[in-house]
C-alpha atoms as a PDB file:
ATOM      1  CA  UNK A   1      18.397  -3.932   3.341  1.00  0.00           C
ATOM      2  CA  UNK A   2      16.951  -6.247   5.938  1.00  0.00           C
ATOM      3  CA  UNK A   3      16.932  -6.322   9.770  1.00  0.00           C
ATOM      4  CA  UNK A   4      20.395  -6.387  11.214  1.00  0.00           C
ATOM      5  CA  UNK A   5      21.794  -4.134   8.407  1.00  0.00           C
ATOM      6  CA  UNK A   6      23.597  -0.954   9.142  1.00  0.00           C
ATOM      7  CA  UNK A   7      20.603   1.080   8.029  1.00  0.00           C
ATOM      8  CA  UNK A   8      18.358  -0.854  10.361  1.00  0.00           C
ATOM      9  CA  UNK A   9      20.707  -0.578  13.271  1.00  0.00           C
ATOM     10  CA  UNK A  10      20.790   3.310  12.774  1.00  0.00           C
ATOM     11  CA  UNK A  11      16.910   3.167  12.784  1.00  0.00           C
ATOM     12  CA  UNK A  12      17.009   1.550  16.150  1.00  0.00           C
ATOM     13  CA  UNK A  13      19.369   4.038  17.447  1.00  0.00           C
ATOM     14  CA  UNK A  14      17.624   7.087  16.185  1.00  0.00           C
ATOM     15  CA  UNK A  15      13.969   6.056  16.629  1.00  0.00           C
ATOM     16  CA  UNK A  16      13.049   6.090  12.957  1.00  0.00           C
ATOM     17  CA  UNK A  17       9.350   5.528  13.752  1.00  0.00           C
ATOM     18  CA  UNK A  18       9.438   1.862  12.758  1.00  0.00           C
ATOM     19  CA  UNK A  19      10.673   2.770   9.298  1.00  0.00           C
ATOM     20  CA  UNK A  20      13.755   1.329   7.501  1.00  0.00           C
ATOM     21  CA  UNK A  21      15.631   3.195   4.903  1.00  0.00           C
ATOM     22  CA  UNK A  22      16.356   0.142   2.666  1.00  0.00           C
ATOM     23  CA  UNK A  23      18.187   2.043   0.030  1.00  0.00           C
ATOM     24  CA  UNK A  24      19.914   5.523  -0.439  1.00  0.00           C
ATOM     25  CA  UNK A  25      21.047   6.594  -3.882  1.00  0.00           C
ATOM     26  CA  UNK A  26      23.326   9.646  -4.263  1.00  0.00           C
ATOM     27  CA  UNK A  27      23.927  11.650  -7.450  1.00  0.00           C
ATOM     28  CA  UNK A  28      26.943  13.943  -6.895  1.00  0.00           C
ATOM     29  CA  UNK A  29      26.968  17.609  -8.115  1.00  0.00           C
ATOM     30  CA  UNK A  30      29.777  19.907  -8.864  1.00  0.00           C
ATOM     31  CA  UNK A  31      28.370  22.867  -6.917  1.00  0.00           C
ATOM     32  CA  UNK A  32      29.783  24.856  -3.943  1.00  0.00           C
ATOM     33  CA  UNK A  33      26.529  24.564  -1.977  1.00  0.00           C
ATOM     34  CA  UNK A  34      24.385  21.791  -3.458  1.00  0.00           C
ATOM     35  CA  UNK A  35      26.703  18.702  -2.989  1.00  0.00           C
ATOM     36  CA  UNK A  36      24.313  16.012  -4.289  1.00  0.00           C
ATOM     37  CA  UNK A  37      20.841  14.854  -4.868  1.00  0.00           C
ATOM     38  CA  UNK A  38      19.561  11.883  -3.010  1.00  0.00           C
ATOM     39  CA  UNK A  39      16.657   9.450  -3.233  1.00  0.00           C
ATOM     40  CA  UNK A  40      15.653   6.991  -0.329  1.00  0.00           C
ATOM     41  CA  UNK A  41      13.615   3.936  -0.370  1.00  0.00           C
ATOM     42  CA  UNK A  42      11.572   3.228   2.788  1.00  0.00           C
ATOM     43  CA  UNK A  43      10.804  -0.381   3.645  1.00  0.00           C
ATOM     44  CA  UNK A  44      11.499  -1.694   0.046  1.00  0.00           C
ATOM     45  CA  UNK A  45       8.103  -0.079  -0.714  1.00  0.00           C
ATOM     46  CA  UNK A  46       8.269   3.733  -1.185  1.00  0.00           C
ATOM     47  CA  UNK A  47      10.769   6.004  -2.941  1.00  0.00           C
ATOM     48  CA  UNK A  48      11.100   9.611  -2.009  1.00  0.00           C
ATOM     49  CA  UNK A  49      13.264  11.471  -4.675  1.00  0.00           C
ATOM     50  CA  UNK A  50      14.665  15.004  -4.795  1.00  0.00           C
ATOM     51  CA  UNK A  51      16.394  15.300  -1.433  1.00  0.00           C
ATOM     52  CA  UNK A  52      19.234  17.717  -1.626  1.00  0.00           C
ATOM     53  CA  UNK A  53      22.400  17.635   0.240  1.00  0.00           C
ATOM     54  CA  UNK A  54      23.406  21.131   0.907  1.00  0.00           C
ATOM     55  CA  UNK A  55      26.571  22.618   2.529  1.00  0.00           C
ATOM     56  CA  UNK A  56      25.317  25.427   4.697  1.00  0.00           C
ATOM     57  CA  UNK A  57      26.925  27.892   6.875  1.00  0.00           C
ATOM     58  CA  UNK A  58      26.963  25.493   9.812  1.00  0.00           C
ATOM     59  CA  UNK A  59      27.669  22.327   8.075  1.00  0.00           C
ATOM     60  CA  UNK A  60      25.934  19.890   5.754  1.00  0.00           C
ATOM     61  CA  UNK A  61      22.032  19.319   5.930  1.00  0.00           C
ATOM     62  CA  UNK A  62      19.438  17.461   3.933  1.00  0.00           C
ATOM     63  CA  UNK A  63      16.627  19.581   2.294  1.00  0.00           C
ATOM     64  CA  UNK A  64      13.626  17.728   1.570  1.00  0.00           C
ATOM     65  CA  UNK A  65      11.879  17.726  -1.739  1.00  0.00           C
ATOM     66  CA  UNK A  66       9.712  20.735  -2.395  1.00  0.00           C
ATOM     67  CA  UNK A  67       7.576  22.533  -4.870  1.00  0.00           C
ATOM     68  CA  UNK A  68       7.174  26.097  -5.456  1.00  0.00           C
ATOM     69  CA  UNK A  69       3.855  27.688  -4.451  1.00  0.00           C
ATOM     70  CA  UNK A  70       2.012  30.390  -6.560  1.00  0.00           C
ATOM     71  CA  UNK A  71       3.220  33.066  -4.078  1.00  0.00           C
ATOM     72  CA  UNK A  72       6.825  32.098  -4.744  1.00  0.00           C
ATOM     73  CA  UNK A  73       7.475  30.378  -1.485  1.00  0.00           C
ATOM     74  CA  UNK A  74       8.468  26.637  -1.161  1.00  0.00           C
ATOM     75  CA  UNK A  75       6.627  23.919   0.468  1.00  0.00           C
ATOM     76  CA  UNK A  76       8.070  20.422   1.351  1.00  0.00           C
ATOM     77  CA  UNK A  77       6.431  17.618  -0.489  1.00  0.00           C
ATOM     78  CA  UNK A  78       7.598  15.203   2.064  1.00  0.00           C
ATOM     79  CA  UNK A  79       9.330  15.585   5.384  1.00  0.00           C
ATOM     80  CA  UNK A  80      10.003  14.129   8.798  1.00  0.00           C
ATOM     81  CA  UNK A  81       7.627  15.215  11.493  1.00  0.00           C
ATOM     82  CA  UNK A  82       9.839  15.172  14.384  1.00  0.00           C
ATOM     83  CA  UNK A  83      13.301  15.909  15.279  1.00  0.00           C
ATOM     84  CA  UNK A  84      14.460  12.411  16.012  1.00  0.00           C
ATOM     85  CA  UNK A  85      13.383  11.138  12.515  1.00  0.00           C
ATOM     86  CA  UNK A  86      15.108  14.086  10.804  1.00  0.00           C
ATOM     87  CA  UNK A  87      18.284  13.473  12.562  1.00  0.00           C
ATOM     88  CA  UNK A  88      18.120   9.739  11.669  1.00  0.00           C
ATOM     89  CA  UNK A  89      17.457  10.440   8.200  1.00  0.00           C
ATOM     90  CA  UNK A  90      20.078  13.277   7.828  1.00  0.00           C
ATOM     91  CA  UNK A  91      22.803  10.942   9.453  1.00  0.00           C
ATOM     92  CA  UNK A  92      22.025   8.115   6.870  1.00  0.00           C
ATOM     93  CA  UNK A  93      21.879  10.327   3.710  1.00  0.00           C
ATOM     94  CA  UNK A  94      24.941  12.341   4.655  1.00  0.00           C
ATOM     95  CA  UNK A  95      26.762   9.091   5.507  1.00  0.00           C
ATOM     96  CA  UNK A  96      25.830   7.632   2.097  1.00  0.00           C
ATOM     97  CA  UNK A  97      26.918  10.956   0.476  1.00  0.00           C
ATOM     98  CA  UNK A  98      30.431  10.626   2.109  1.00  0.00           C
ATOM     99  CA  UNK A  99      30.507   6.976   1.043  1.00  0.00           C
ATOM    100  CA  UNK A 100      29.890   7.917  -2.615  1.00  0.00           C
ATOM    101  CA  UNK A 101      32.450  10.755  -2.501  1.00  0.00           C
ATOM    102  CA  UNK A 102      34.976   8.183  -1.161  1.00  0.00           C
ATOM    103  CA  UNK A 103      33.989   5.586  -3.927  1.00  0.00           C
ATOM    104  CA  UNK A 104      34.315   8.187  -6.658  1.00  0.00           C
ATOM    105  CA  UNK A 105      37.724   9.231  -5.321  1.00  0.00           C
ATOM    106  CA  UNK A 106      38.978   5.770  -5.148  1.00  0.00           C
ATOM    107  CA  UNK A 107      37.726   5.011  -8.738  1.00  0.00           C
ATOM    108  CA  UNK A 108      39.448   8.259 -10.027  1.00  0.00           C
ATOM    109  CA  UNK A 109      42.557   7.407  -8.183  1.00  0.00           C
ATOM    110  CA  UNK A 110      42.735   4.019  -9.730  1.00  0.00           C
ATOM    111  CA  UNK A 111      42.331   5.528 -13.144  1.00  0.00           C
ATOM    112  CA  UNK A 112      44.910   8.162 -12.419  1.00  0.00           C
ATOM    113  CA  UNK A 113      42.325  10.915 -12.655  1.00  0.00           C
ATOM    114  CA  UNK A 114      41.697  14.078 -10.566  1.00  0.00           C
ATOM    115  CA  UNK A 115      39.190  14.115  -7.782  1.00  0.00           C
ATOM    116  CA  UNK A 116      37.998  17.709  -8.661  1.00  0.00           C
ATOM    117  CA  UNK A 117      34.679  17.963 -10.207  1.00  0.00           C
ATOM    118  CA  UNK A 118      33.295  14.708  -8.723  1.00  0.00           C
ATOM    119  CA  UNK A 119      29.797  15.262  -9.920  1.00  0.00           C
ATOM    120  CA  UNK A 120      28.269  12.574 -12.038  1.00  0.00           C
ATOM    121  CA  UNK A 121      27.399  13.757 -15.567  1.00  0.00           C
ATOM    122  CA  UNK A 122      23.951  12.496 -15.202  1.00  0.00           C
ATOM    123  CA  UNK A 123      21.295  14.994 -14.713  1.00  0.00           C
ATOM    124  CA  UNK A 124      19.041  14.365 -11.784  1.00  0.00           C
END
């Protein structure tokens, strides 16, 4: 997306450190807590895959891609370094999640299907 796009407007409002999220891809999951996987493209130049949209005790949040360390703990592979950028990224990714859920629900309704089990069959 280019300047003037809804994603660019969000960057300006949340101080996305001069970055633009030019694409968000959502892969829905049929799970109580893990709602979807996401990948984002920054400035049409860099893709970050493996973001997780999680339903937590206090609402949805975006977990950044991580790897398991030898001691069993997890370490983020990529992550925002300040609160404003995290809020900006979460707002865009969770917004894209809600748009994808609505799109799938409309598609299922048009086909006379059931909206339960929205998850895409593709493995992420």
